[in-house]
């Protein structure tokens, strides 16, 4: 009889709990069987704990990123730039729909100028809304709350998947090791227990 054929190899939850706690009075219950029951009971608890950790990481990242984006937003200002030159396609080989053009804009700290993104074929004098920093230099706008929440959520999901995958791999390796150990020891253990089990001396 192999470990796979052992009647205790697949047991309901209640029996797993009794075995894991050492309260299974069966003479066929060996230390390796109790170890397998503890392992089977531990996996769901570990996965729940890892999900909680991932959710906490996501919440902390969202809180930190929200604070950072609010700070960035305090130093971003919407202005309207006006192109003063012809638009040049960003990539003539691919025939893309975007181009860049020289432009000017006004800001309380003084007039500014530079290159802005426009659609291909935009005429001179096209108005383009842009974001500038406190010095009047073009800058990336702060992300809105939905984007921050989405990024934090993806990070949380990725963390949960990575940690859970590691836990399942570890569980599988440990389970296989216990199964091999149980299979190797089953014959000698059965020879020892069989007389008691069959009430033979």
N, C-alpha and C. Protein backbone atom coordinates (compact mmCIF):
# COMPACT_ATOMS: atom_id res chain seq x y z
N UNK A 1 0.85 -1.20 0.00
CA UNK A 1 0.00 0.00 0.00
C UNK A 1 0.88 1.25 0.00
N UNK A 2 0.65 2.15 -0.91
CA UNK A 2 1.46 3.36 -1.03
C UNK A 2 0.83 4.48 -0.25
N UNK A 3 1.59 5.62 -0.14
CA UNK A 3 1.06 6.78 0.56
C UNK A 3 -0.17 7.32 -0.14
N UNK A 4 -0.23 7.16 -1.50
CA UNK A 4 -1.39 7.66 -2.22
C UNK A 4 -2.63 6.83 -1.92
N UNK A 5 -2.42 5.54 -1.56
CA UNK A 5 -3.53 4.67 -1.26
C UNK A 5 -3.95 4.72 0.20
N UNK A 6 -3.16 5.38 0.99
CA UNK A 6 -3.44 5.46 2.42
C UNK A 6 -4.81 6.10 2.64
N UNK A 7 -5.67 5.50 3.46
CA UNK A 7 -7.01 6.05 3.64
C UNK A 7 -7.04 7.41 4.26
N UNK A 8 -5.94 7.83 4.92
CA UNK A 8 -5.93 9.15 5.56
C UNK A 8 -5.30 10.21 4.67
N UNK A 9 -4.95 9.85 3.42
CA UNK A 9 -4.28 10.80 2.55
C UNK A 9 -5.19 11.96 2.18
N UNK A 10 -6.50 11.69 2.05
CA UNK A 10 -7.46 12.74 1.70
C UNK A 10 -8.56 12.72 2.76
N UNK A 11 -8.61 13.72 3.59
CA UNK A 11 -9.55 13.74 4.71
C UNK A 11 -10.29 15.06 4.75
N UNK A 12 -11.50 15.07 5.34
CA UNK A 12 -12.25 16.32 5.47
C UNK A 12 -11.60 17.27 6.44
N UNK A 13 -12.11 18.50 6.45
CA UNK A 13 -11.51 19.55 7.27
C UNK A 13 -11.49 19.20 8.74
N UNK A 14 -12.60 18.68 9.26
CA UNK A 14 -12.66 18.37 10.69
C UNK A 14 -11.59 17.36 11.08
N UNK A 15 -11.43 16.32 10.24
CA UNK A 15 -10.40 15.32 10.52
C UNK A 15 -9.01 15.92 10.41
N UNK A 16 -8.82 16.84 9.45
CA UNK A 16 -7.53 17.51 9.32
C UNK A 16 -7.20 18.29 10.59
N UNK A 17 -8.20 18.97 11.14
CA UNK A 17 -7.98 19.74 12.36
C UNK A 17 -7.60 18.83 13.53
N UNK A 18 -8.33 17.74 13.69
CA UNK A 18 -8.02 16.81 14.78
C UNK A 18 -6.62 16.25 14.63
N UNK A 19 -6.27 15.89 13.41
CA UNK A 19 -4.95 15.32 13.17
C UNK A 19 -3.85 16.35 13.40
N UNK A 20 -4.06 17.57 12.90
CA UNK A 20 -3.04 18.61 13.07
C UNK A 20 -2.80 18.92 14.54
N UNK A 21 -3.86 18.81 15.35
CA UNK A 21 -3.73 19.10 16.79
C UNK A 21 -3.27 17.89 17.58
N UNK A 22 -3.01 16.76 16.89
CA UNK A 22 -2.54 15.57 17.58
C UNK A 22 -3.64 14.83 18.32
N UNK A 23 -4.91 15.05 17.95
CA UNK A 23 -6.03 14.43 18.65
C UNK A 23 -6.63 13.25 17.87
N UNK A 24 -5.95 12.85 16.81
CA UNK A 24 -6.39 11.69 16.04
C UNK A 24 -5.85 10.44 16.73
N UNK A 25 -6.74 9.61 17.25
CA UNK A 25 -6.30 8.43 18.00
C UNK A 25 -6.00 7.23 17.16
N UNK A 26 -6.10 7.34 15.84
CA UNK A 26 -5.84 6.20 14.98
C UNK A 26 -4.37 5.79 15.06
N UNK A 27 -4.10 4.49 15.20
CA UNK A 27 -2.70 4.03 15.21
C UNK A 27 -2.02 4.22 13.86
N UNK A 28 -2.81 4.45 12.81
CA UNK A 28 -2.23 4.68 11.49
C UNK A 28 -1.80 6.13 11.30
N UNK A 29 -2.14 6.99 12.23
CA UNK A 29 -1.77 8.40 12.10
C UNK A 29 -0.34 8.58 12.58
N UNK A 30 0.52 8.96 11.65
CA UNK A 30 1.95 9.11 11.95
C UNK A 30 2.31 10.58 12.04
N UNK A 31 3.50 10.89 12.57
CA UNK A 31 3.94 12.29 12.61
C UNK A 31 3.93 12.96 11.24
N UNK A 32 4.29 12.20 10.20
CA UNK A 32 4.29 12.78 8.87
C UNK A 32 2.87 13.12 8.42
N UNK A 33 1.88 12.33 8.86
CA UNK A 33 0.49 12.63 8.52
C UNK A 33 0.03 13.90 9.22
N UNK A 34 0.44 14.06 10.48
CA UNK A 34 0.09 15.29 11.20
C UNK A 34 0.75 16.50 10.54
N UNK A 35 1.99 16.31 10.07
CA UNK A 35 2.69 17.41 9.38
C UNK A 35 1.98 17.79 8.10
N UNK A 36 1.46 16.81 7.37
CA UNK A 36 0.73 17.11 6.14
C UNK A 36 -0.59 17.84 6.44
N UNK A 37 -1.25 17.45 7.52
CA UNK A 37 -2.48 18.14 7.89
C UNK A 37 -2.21 19.58 8.29
N UNK A 38 -1.15 19.79 9.07
CA UNK A 38 -0.80 21.17 9.46
C UNK A 38 -0.47 22.01 8.23
N UNK A 39 0.22 21.39 7.28
CA UNK A 39 0.57 22.12 6.06
C UNK A 39 -0.68 22.49 5.26
N UNK A 40 -1.60 21.54 5.13
CA UNK A 40 -2.82 21.80 4.37
C UNK A 40 -3.66 22.89 5.03
N UNK A 41 -3.68 22.93 6.36
CA UNK A 41 -4.44 23.96 7.07
C UNK A 41 -3.74 25.31 7.04
N UNK A 42 -2.42 25.28 6.95
CA UNK A 42 -1.66 26.53 6.99
C UNK A 42 -1.76 27.31 5.70
N UNK A 43 -1.88 26.62 4.56
CA UNK A 43 -1.85 27.32 3.27
C UNK A 43 -2.94 28.38 3.15
N UNK A 44 -4.22 28.06 3.42
CA UNK A 44 -5.25 29.11 3.30
C UNK A 44 -4.99 30.29 4.23
N UNK A 45 -4.50 30.00 5.45
CA UNK A 45 -4.21 31.09 6.39
C UNK A 45 -3.08 31.97 5.86
N UNK A 46 -2.07 31.33 5.29
CA UNK A 46 -0.95 32.10 4.73
C UNK A 46 -1.42 32.96 3.56
N UNK A 47 -2.26 32.39 2.70
CA UNK A 47 -2.75 33.14 1.54
C UNK A 47 -3.59 34.35 1.98
N UNK A 48 -4.43 34.15 3.00
CA UNK A 48 -5.22 35.28 3.52
C UNK A 48 -4.31 36.35 4.08
N UNK A 49 -3.29 35.93 4.83
CA UNK A 49 -2.35 36.90 5.40
C UNK A 49 -1.61 37.67 4.30
N UNK A 50 -1.23 36.97 3.24
CA UNK A 50 -0.53 37.64 2.13
C UNK A 50 -1.44 38.61 1.40
N UNK A 51 -2.71 38.26 1.27
CA UNK A 51 -3.66 39.19 0.65
C UNK A 51 -3.81 40.45 1.51
N UNK A 52 -3.83 40.26 2.83
CA UNK A 52 -3.92 41.41 3.73
C UNK A 52 -2.68 42.29 3.61
N UNK A 53 -1.51 41.66 3.51
CA UNK A 53 -0.27 42.42 3.34
C UNK A 53 -0.29 43.19 2.03
N UNK A 54 -0.74 42.54 0.96
CA UNK A 54 -0.79 43.20 -0.34
C UNK A 54 -1.75 44.38 -0.32
N UNK A 55 -2.89 44.22 0.35
CA UNK A 55 -3.86 45.31 0.45
C UNK A 55 -3.26 46.47 1.24
N UNK A 56 -2.51 46.15 2.30
CA UNK A 56 -1.87 47.20 3.10
C UNK A 56 -0.82 47.94 2.28
N UNK A 57 -0.05 47.20 1.50
CA UNK A 57 0.96 47.82 0.64
C UNK A 57 0.29 48.76 -0.36
N UNK A 58 -0.80 48.28 -0.97
CA UNK A 58 -1.52 49.09 -1.94
C UNK A 58 -2.06 50.37 -1.30
N UNK A 59 -2.61 50.25 -0.09
CA UNK A 59 -3.16 51.41 0.60
C UNK A 59 -2.06 52.42 0.96
N UNK A 60 -0.92 51.92 1.42
CA UNK A 60 0.20 52.81 1.77
C UNK A 60 0.73 53.53 0.53
N UNK A 61 0.85 52.79 -0.56
CA UNK A 61 1.35 53.40 -1.80
C UNK A 61 0.36 54.46 -2.29
N UNK A 62 -0.93 54.14 -2.24
CA UNK A 62 -1.94 55.11 -2.67
C UNK A 62 -1.87 56.38 -1.83
N UNK A 63 -1.71 56.21 -0.53
CA UNK A 63 -1.65 57.37 0.36
C UNK A 63 -0.42 58.22 0.06
N UNK A 64 0.73 57.56 -0.11
CA UNK A 64 1.97 58.30 -0.39
C UNK A 64 1.92 58.98 -1.75
N UNK A 65 1.43 58.24 -2.77
CA UNK A 65 1.37 58.81 -4.11
C UNK A 65 0.37 59.96 -4.19
N UNK A 66 -0.74 59.84 -3.48
CA UNK A 66 -1.73 60.92 -3.47
C UNK A 66 -1.13 62.19 -2.87
N UNK A 67 -0.37 62.02 -1.80
CA UNK A 67 0.30 63.18 -1.18
C UNK A 67 1.28 63.82 -2.15
N UNK A 68 2.08 62.97 -2.84
CA UNK A 68 3.07 63.49 -3.79
C UNK A 68 2.40 64.22 -4.94
N UNK A 69 1.31 63.65 -5.47
CA UNK A 69 0.64 64.28 -6.60
C UNK A 69 -0.01 65.60 -6.19
N UNK A 70 -0.48 65.68 -4.97
CA UNK A 70 -1.05 66.95 -4.49
C UNK A 70 0.04 68.01 -4.40
N UNK A 71 1.21 67.60 -3.97
CA UNK A 71 2.33 68.55 -3.91
C UNK A 71 2.72 69.02 -5.30
N UNK A 72 2.73 68.07 -6.25
CA UNK A 72 3.05 68.44 -7.63
C UNK A 72 2.01 69.40 -8.18
N UNK A 73 0.72 69.11 -7.91
CA UNK A 73 -0.36 69.94 -8.43
C UNK A 73 -0.26 71.37 -7.91
N UNK A 74 0.26 71.54 -6.69
CA UNK A 74 0.39 72.89 -6.13
C UNK A 74 1.37 73.74 -6.94
N UNK A 75 2.25 73.08 -7.68
CA UNK A 75 3.27 73.80 -8.45
C UNK A 75 3.08 73.65 -9.96
N UNK A 76 1.86 73.31 -10.37
CA UNK A 76 1.55 73.23 -11.78
C UNK A 76 0.47 74.25 -12.10
N UNK A 77 0.59 74.89 -13.27
CA UNK A 77 -0.32 75.96 -13.66
C UNK A 77 -0.70 75.78 -15.13
N UNK A 78 -2.00 75.87 -15.38
CA UNK A 78 -2.48 75.71 -16.75
C UNK A 78 -2.36 77.04 -17.50
N UNK A 79 -1.72 77.02 -18.65
CA UNK A 79 -1.62 78.20 -19.50
C UNK A 79 -1.94 77.77 -20.94
N UNK A 80 -2.15 78.75 -21.79
CA UNK A 80 -2.42 78.46 -23.20
C UNK A 80 -1.25 78.97 -24.02
N UNK A 81 -0.60 78.05 -24.74
CA UNK A 81 0.51 78.40 -25.61
C UNK A 81 -0.02 78.63 -27.03
N UNK A 82 0.62 79.52 -27.78
CA UNK A 82 0.25 79.80 -29.16
C UNK A 82 1.42 79.48 -30.06
N UNK A 83 1.20 78.61 -31.04
CA UNK A 83 2.31 78.23 -31.92
C UNK A 83 2.73 79.41 -32.78
N UNK A 84 4.03 79.53 -32.98
CA UNK A 84 4.59 80.64 -33.78
C UNK A 84 5.39 80.13 -34.96
N UNK A 85 5.30 78.82 -35.22
CA UNK A 85 6.04 78.23 -36.33
C UNK A 85 5.30 77.01 -36.86
N UNK A 86 5.80 76.47 -37.98
CA UNK A 86 5.16 75.32 -38.60
C UNK A 86 5.32 74.07 -37.75
N UNK A 87 4.33 73.21 -37.82
CA UNK A 87 4.38 71.93 -37.10
C UNK A 87 5.23 70.94 -37.88
N UNK A 88 6.09 70.22 -37.16
CA UNK A 88 6.96 69.20 -37.76
C UNK A 88 6.56 67.86 -37.18
N UNK A 89 6.26 66.89 -38.06
CA UNK A 89 5.83 65.57 -37.60
C UNK A 89 6.89 64.93 -36.71
N UNK A 90 6.45 64.26 -35.67
CA UNK A 90 7.38 63.60 -34.76
C UNK A 90 8.16 62.49 -35.45
N UNK A 91 7.51 61.75 -36.34
CA UNK A 91 8.17 60.66 -37.06
C UNK A 91 7.61 60.60 -38.47
N UNK A 92 8.35 61.15 -39.40
CA UNK A 92 7.89 61.21 -40.78
C UNK A 92 7.77 59.82 -41.40
N UNK A 93 8.54 58.84 -40.91
CA UNK A 93 8.54 57.51 -41.51
C UNK A 93 7.26 56.75 -41.21
N UNK A 94 6.68 56.96 -40.05
CA UNK A 94 5.50 56.20 -39.67
C UNK A 94 4.19 56.92 -39.97
N UNK A 95 4.27 58.17 -40.34
CA UNK A 95 3.06 58.91 -40.65
C UNK A 95 2.17 59.10 -39.45
N UNK A 96 2.76 59.34 -38.27
CA UNK A 96 1.99 59.52 -37.06
C UNK A 96 1.14 60.78 -37.10
N UNK A 97 0.19 60.87 -36.15
CA UNK A 97 -0.73 62.01 -36.13
C UNK A 97 -0.25 63.15 -35.25
N UNK A 98 0.91 62.98 -34.59
CA UNK A 98 1.41 64.03 -33.71
C UNK A 98 2.64 64.71 -34.29
N UNK A 99 2.78 65.98 -33.91
CA UNK A 99 3.92 66.78 -34.38
C UNK A 99 4.33 67.72 -33.25
N UNK A 100 5.38 68.49 -33.48
CA UNK A 100 5.80 69.50 -32.50
C UNK A 100 6.02 70.82 -33.23
N UNK A 101 5.82 71.90 -32.48
CA UNK A 101 5.94 73.23 -33.08
C UNK A 101 6.43 74.22 -32.03
N UNK A 102 7.20 75.24 -32.47
CA UNK A 102 7.62 76.29 -31.52
C UNK A 102 6.40 77.10 -31.09
N UNK A 103 6.41 77.52 -29.84
CA UNK A 103 5.24 78.25 -29.32
C UNK A 103 5.68 79.25 -28.27
N UNK A 104 4.77 80.17 -27.97
CA UNK A 104 4.96 81.18 -26.92
C UNK A 104 3.77 81.14 -25.99
N UNK A 105 4.00 81.53 -24.75
CA UNK A 105 2.91 81.60 -23.78
C UNK A 105 3.23 82.66 -22.74
N UNK A 106 2.23 83.10 -22.07
CA UNK A 106 2.40 84.12 -21.03
C UNK A 106 2.11 83.50 -19.67
N UNK A 107 2.86 83.96 -18.66
CA UNK A 107 2.69 83.48 -17.30
C UNK A 107 3.07 84.64 -16.37
N UNK A 108 2.48 84.74 -15.20
CA UNK A 108 2.78 85.88 -14.33
C UNK A 108 4.26 86.15 -14.10
N UNK A 109 5.10 85.11 -14.15
CA UNK A 109 6.52 85.36 -13.92
C UNK A 109 7.19 85.93 -15.17
N UNK A 110 6.47 85.96 -16.27
CA UNK A 110 7.04 86.50 -17.50
C UNK A 110 6.68 85.62 -18.68
N UNK A 111 6.97 86.10 -19.90
CA UNK A 111 6.67 85.32 -21.09
C UNK A 111 7.56 84.08 -21.16
N UNK A 112 7.04 83.05 -21.78
CA UNK A 112 7.82 81.82 -21.95
C UNK A 112 7.74 81.34 -23.37
N UNK A 113 8.60 80.42 -23.70
CA UNK A 113 8.60 79.87 -25.05
C UNK A 113 9.27 78.52 -25.07
N UNK A 114 8.96 77.76 -26.09
CA UNK A 114 9.53 76.43 -26.23
C UNK A 114 8.82 75.66 -27.32
N UNK A 115 8.90 74.36 -27.23
CA UNK A 115 8.28 73.48 -28.22
C UNK A 115 7.11 72.76 -27.56
N UNK A 116 5.98 72.72 -28.26
CA UNK A 116 4.80 72.06 -27.74
C UNK A 116 4.33 70.99 -28.72
N UNK A 117 3.54 70.05 -28.21
CA UNK A 117 3.02 68.98 -29.05
C UNK A 117 1.70 69.41 -29.67
N UNK A 118 1.58 69.21 -30.98
CA UNK A 118 0.36 69.56 -31.71
C UNK A 118 0.04 68.43 -32.68
N UNK A 119 -1.12 68.51 -33.29
CA UNK A 119 -1.47 67.53 -34.33
C UNK A 119 -0.76 67.89 -35.62
N UNK A 120 -0.54 66.88 -36.44
CA UNK A 120 0.12 67.11 -37.73
C UNK A 120 -0.70 68.08 -38.56
N UNK A 121 -0.03 69.08 -39.14
CA UNK A 121 -0.71 70.06 -39.99
C UNK A 121 -1.31 71.23 -39.23
N UNK A 122 -1.07 71.32 -37.92
CA UNK A 122 -1.62 72.44 -37.16
C UNK A 122 -1.03 73.74 -37.69
N UNK A 123 -1.87 74.75 -37.98
CA UNK A 123 -1.34 76.01 -38.54
C UNK A 123 -0.69 76.87 -37.46
N UNK A 124 0.10 77.85 -37.92
CA UNK A 124 0.68 78.82 -37.00
C UNK A 124 -0.45 79.58 -36.31
N UNK A 125 -0.30 79.81 -35.02
CA UNK A 125 -1.34 80.49 -34.26
C UNK A 125 -2.30 79.55 -33.55
N UNK A 126 -2.01 78.24 -33.61
CA UNK A 126 -2.86 77.27 -32.92
C UNK A 126 -2.69 77.40 -31.41
N UNK A 127 -3.80 77.43 -30.71
CA UNK A 127 -3.77 77.51 -29.25
C UNK A 127 -3.66 76.10 -28.66
N UNK A 128 -2.69 75.92 -27.75
CA UNK A 128 -2.43 74.60 -27.15
C UNK A 128 -2.39 74.76 -25.64
N UNK A 129 -3.31 74.12 -24.89
CA UNK A 129 -3.24 74.18 -23.43
C UNK A 129 -2.07 73.33 -22.92
N UNK A 130 -1.26 73.88 -22.04
CA UNK A 130 -0.13 73.16 -21.47
C UNK A 130 -0.05 73.42 -19.97
N UNK A 131 0.79 72.67 -19.30
CA UNK A 131 1.06 72.86 -17.89
C UNK A 131 2.49 73.37 -17.73
N UNK A 132 2.67 74.39 -16.86
CA UNK A 132 4.01 74.89 -16.58
C UNK A 132 4.22 74.86 -15.07
N UNK A 133 5.51 74.86 -14.67
CA UNK A 133 5.82 74.89 -13.24
C UNK A 133 5.87 76.32 -12.75
N UNK A 134 6.35 76.52 -11.53
CA UNK A 134 6.37 77.85 -10.94
C UNK A 134 7.30 78.82 -11.68
N UNK A 135 8.23 78.27 -12.45
CA UNK A 135 9.15 79.12 -13.21
C UNK A 135 8.63 79.42 -14.61
N UNK A 136 7.49 78.83 -14.95
CA UNK A 136 6.95 79.03 -16.29
C UNK A 136 7.51 78.07 -17.31
N UNK A 137 8.15 77.00 -16.85
CA UNK A 137 8.73 76.00 -17.75
C UNK A 137 7.73 74.86 -17.94
N UNK A 138 7.53 74.36 -19.16
CA UNK A 138 6.60 73.24 -19.38
C UNK A 138 6.92 72.05 -18.49
N UNK A 139 5.90 71.46 -17.90
CA UNK A 139 6.09 70.34 -16.98
C UNK A 139 4.92 69.37 -17.11
N UNK A 140 5.15 68.16 -16.66
CA UNK A 140 4.10 67.14 -16.69
C UNK A 140 3.07 67.45 -15.62
N UNK A 141 1.80 67.36 -15.97
CA UNK A 141 0.74 67.62 -15.01
C UNK A 141 0.67 66.52 -13.96
N UNK A 142 0.15 66.85 -12.79
CA UNK A 142 -0.02 65.86 -11.74
C UNK A 142 -1.08 64.84 -12.17
N UNK A 143 -0.89 63.60 -11.77
CA UNK A 143 -1.87 62.57 -12.08
C UNK A 143 -3.13 62.78 -11.23
N UNK A 144 -4.28 62.46 -11.80
CA UNK A 144 -5.50 62.61 -11.01
C UNK A 144 -5.69 61.40 -10.10
N UNK A 145 -6.67 61.51 -9.21
CA UNK A 145 -6.88 60.48 -8.20
C UNK A 145 -7.18 59.11 -8.79
N UNK A 146 -7.92 59.06 -9.89
CA UNK A 146 -8.27 57.78 -10.50
C UNK A 146 -7.04 57.04 -11.01
N UNK A 147 -6.10 57.79 -11.59
CA UNK A 147 -4.87 57.17 -12.09
C UNK A 147 -4.03 56.66 -10.93
N UNK A 148 -3.91 57.45 -9.87
CA UNK A 148 -3.14 57.03 -8.70
C UNK A 148 -3.76 55.77 -8.10
N UNK A 149 -5.09 55.76 -7.99
CA UNK A 149 -5.78 54.60 -7.43
C UNK A 149 -5.56 53.36 -8.30
N UNK A 150 -5.62 53.54 -9.61
CA UNK A 150 -5.41 52.43 -10.53
C UNK A 150 -3.99 51.88 -10.39
N UNK A 151 -3.00 52.77 -10.35
CA UNK A 151 -1.61 52.33 -10.21
C UNK A 151 -1.39 51.58 -8.90
N UNK A 152 -1.95 52.12 -7.81
CA UNK A 152 -1.81 51.46 -6.52
C UNK A 152 -2.51 50.10 -6.52
N UNK A 153 -3.66 50.04 -7.18
CA UNK A 153 -4.38 48.77 -7.27
C UNK A 153 -3.60 47.72 -8.04
N UNK A 154 -3.01 48.12 -9.18
CA UNK A 154 -2.21 47.19 -9.95
C UNK A 154 -1.01 46.70 -9.13
N UNK A 155 -0.40 47.61 -8.38
CA UNK A 155 0.73 47.22 -7.54
C UNK A 155 0.28 46.21 -6.48
N UNK A 156 -0.89 46.46 -5.86
CA UNK A 156 -1.40 45.54 -4.87
C UNK A 156 -1.68 44.17 -5.45
N UNK A 157 -2.31 44.15 -6.62
CA UNK A 157 -2.62 42.87 -7.28
C UNK A 157 -1.33 42.14 -7.65
N UNK A 158 -0.37 42.88 -8.19
CA UNK A 158 0.90 42.25 -8.55
C UNK A 158 1.61 41.67 -7.34
N UNK A 159 1.59 42.42 -6.23
CA UNK A 159 2.20 41.93 -5.00
C UNK A 159 1.50 40.67 -4.51
N UNK A 160 0.17 40.68 -4.55
CA UNK A 160 -0.59 39.52 -4.09
C UNK A 160 -0.29 38.30 -4.95
N UNK A 161 -0.24 38.49 -6.27
CA UNK A 161 0.03 37.36 -7.17
C UNK A 161 1.43 36.81 -6.93
N UNK A 162 2.41 37.71 -6.79
CA UNK A 162 3.79 37.26 -6.59
C UNK A 162 3.94 36.51 -5.27
N UNK A 163 3.44 37.08 -4.19
CA UNK A 163 3.58 36.44 -2.89
C UNK A 163 2.80 35.13 -2.82
N UNK A 164 1.59 35.13 -3.37
CA UNK A 164 0.78 33.91 -3.35
C UNK A 164 1.43 32.81 -4.19
N UNK A 165 2.01 33.19 -5.31
CA UNK A 165 2.70 32.20 -6.14
C UNK A 165 3.86 31.57 -5.40
N UNK A 166 4.63 32.39 -4.69
CA UNK A 166 5.75 31.87 -3.91
C UNK A 166 5.24 30.93 -2.81
N UNK A 167 4.13 31.33 -2.17
CA UNK A 167 3.58 30.49 -1.10
C UNK A 167 3.11 29.15 -1.65
N UNK A 168 2.43 29.16 -2.80
CA UNK A 168 1.92 27.91 -3.39
C UNK A 168 3.08 27.02 -3.82
N UNK A 169 4.12 27.63 -4.41
CA UNK A 169 5.29 26.84 -4.81
C UNK A 169 5.93 26.21 -3.59
N UNK A 170 6.11 27.01 -2.53
CA UNK A 170 6.68 26.47 -1.30
C UNK A 170 5.83 25.36 -0.71
N UNK A 171 4.51 25.55 -0.70
CA UNK A 171 3.60 24.53 -0.20
C UNK A 171 3.72 23.24 -1.03
N UNK A 172 3.76 23.40 -2.35
CA UNK A 172 3.82 22.23 -3.22
C UNK A 172 5.11 21.45 -3.00
N UNK A 173 6.23 22.17 -2.91
CA UNK A 173 7.51 21.49 -2.68
C UNK A 173 7.51 20.76 -1.34
N UNK A 174 7.00 21.44 -0.31
CA UNK A 174 6.95 20.82 1.01
C UNK A 174 6.02 19.62 1.01
N UNK A 175 4.89 19.72 0.34
CA UNK A 175 3.93 18.62 0.28
C UNK A 175 4.54 17.42 -0.43
N UNK A 176 5.24 17.67 -1.53
CA UNK A 176 5.88 16.56 -2.24
C UNK A 176 6.94 15.89 -1.38
N UNK A 177 7.69 16.71 -0.62
CA UNK A 177 8.71 16.14 0.26
C UNK A 177 8.05 15.26 1.34
N UNK A 178 6.95 15.73 1.91
CA UNK A 178 6.25 14.94 2.92
C UNK A 178 5.63 13.68 2.31
N UNK A 179 5.12 13.79 1.08
CA UNK A 179 4.55 12.61 0.42
C UNK A 179 5.63 11.55 0.19
N UNK A 180 6.80 11.98 -0.26
CA UNK A 180 7.90 11.03 -0.48
C UNK A 180 8.32 10.38 0.83
N UNK A 181 8.40 11.22 1.86
CA UNK A 181 8.76 10.70 3.18
C UNK A 181 7.73 9.70 3.69
N UNK A 182 6.44 10.01 3.49
CA UNK A 182 5.38 9.11 3.93
C UNK A 182 5.42 7.79 3.15
N UNK A 183 5.68 7.90 1.85
CA UNK A 183 5.71 6.68 1.04
C UNK A 183 6.87 5.78 1.43
N UNK A 184 8.04 6.40 1.71
CA UNK A 184 9.20 5.61 2.11
C UNK A 184 8.96 4.90 3.44
N UNK A 185 8.25 5.56 4.35
CA UNK A 185 8.10 4.99 5.69
C UNK A 185 6.83 4.17 5.87
N UNK A 186 5.97 4.11 4.84
CA UNK A 186 4.68 3.46 5.03
C UNK A 186 4.82 1.95 5.31
N UNK A 187 5.65 1.26 4.53
CA UNK A 187 5.79 -0.18 4.71
C UNK A 187 6.28 -0.55 6.10
N UNK A 188 7.41 0.04 6.57
CA UNK A 188 7.84 -0.31 7.93
C UNK A 188 6.84 0.12 9.00
N UNK A 189 6.16 1.26 8.79
CA UNK A 189 5.16 1.69 9.77
C UNK A 189 3.97 0.73 9.80
N UNK A 190 3.58 0.25 8.62
CA UNK A 190 2.45 -0.68 8.56
C UNK A 190 2.81 -2.01 9.22
N UNK A 191 4.04 -2.47 9.01
CA UNK A 191 4.47 -3.72 9.65
C UNK A 191 4.42 -3.60 11.17
N UNK A 192 4.70 -2.41 11.67
CA UNK A 192 4.67 -2.20 13.12
C UNK A 192 3.24 -2.11 13.64
N UNK A 193 2.35 -1.46 12.86
CA UNK A 193 1.01 -1.20 13.34
C UNK A 193 0.04 -2.33 13.02
N UNK A 194 0.30 -3.08 11.93
CA UNK A 194 -0.67 -4.08 11.47
C UNK A 194 -1.12 -5.04 12.56
N UNK A 195 -0.21 -5.59 13.39
CA UNK A 195 -0.69 -6.52 14.43
C UNK A 195 -1.71 -5.87 15.37
N UNK A 196 -1.48 -4.58 15.72
CA UNK A 196 -2.43 -3.89 16.60
C UNK A 196 -3.72 -3.58 15.85
N UNK A 197 -3.58 -3.19 14.60
CA UNK A 197 -4.75 -2.80 13.82
C UNK A 197 -5.66 -3.98 13.56
N UNK A 198 -5.07 -5.14 13.30
CA UNK A 198 -5.87 -6.34 13.02
C UNK A 198 -6.11 -7.18 14.26
N UNK A 199 -5.67 -6.64 15.43
CA UNK A 199 -5.86 -7.31 16.71
C UNK A 199 -5.18 -8.67 16.73
N UNK A 200 -3.98 -8.67 16.09
CA UNK A 200 -3.19 -9.88 16.14
C UNK A 200 -1.98 -9.63 17.02
N UNK A 201 -1.49 -10.62 17.67
CA UNK A 201 -0.30 -10.48 18.52
C UNK A 201 0.92 -10.90 17.74
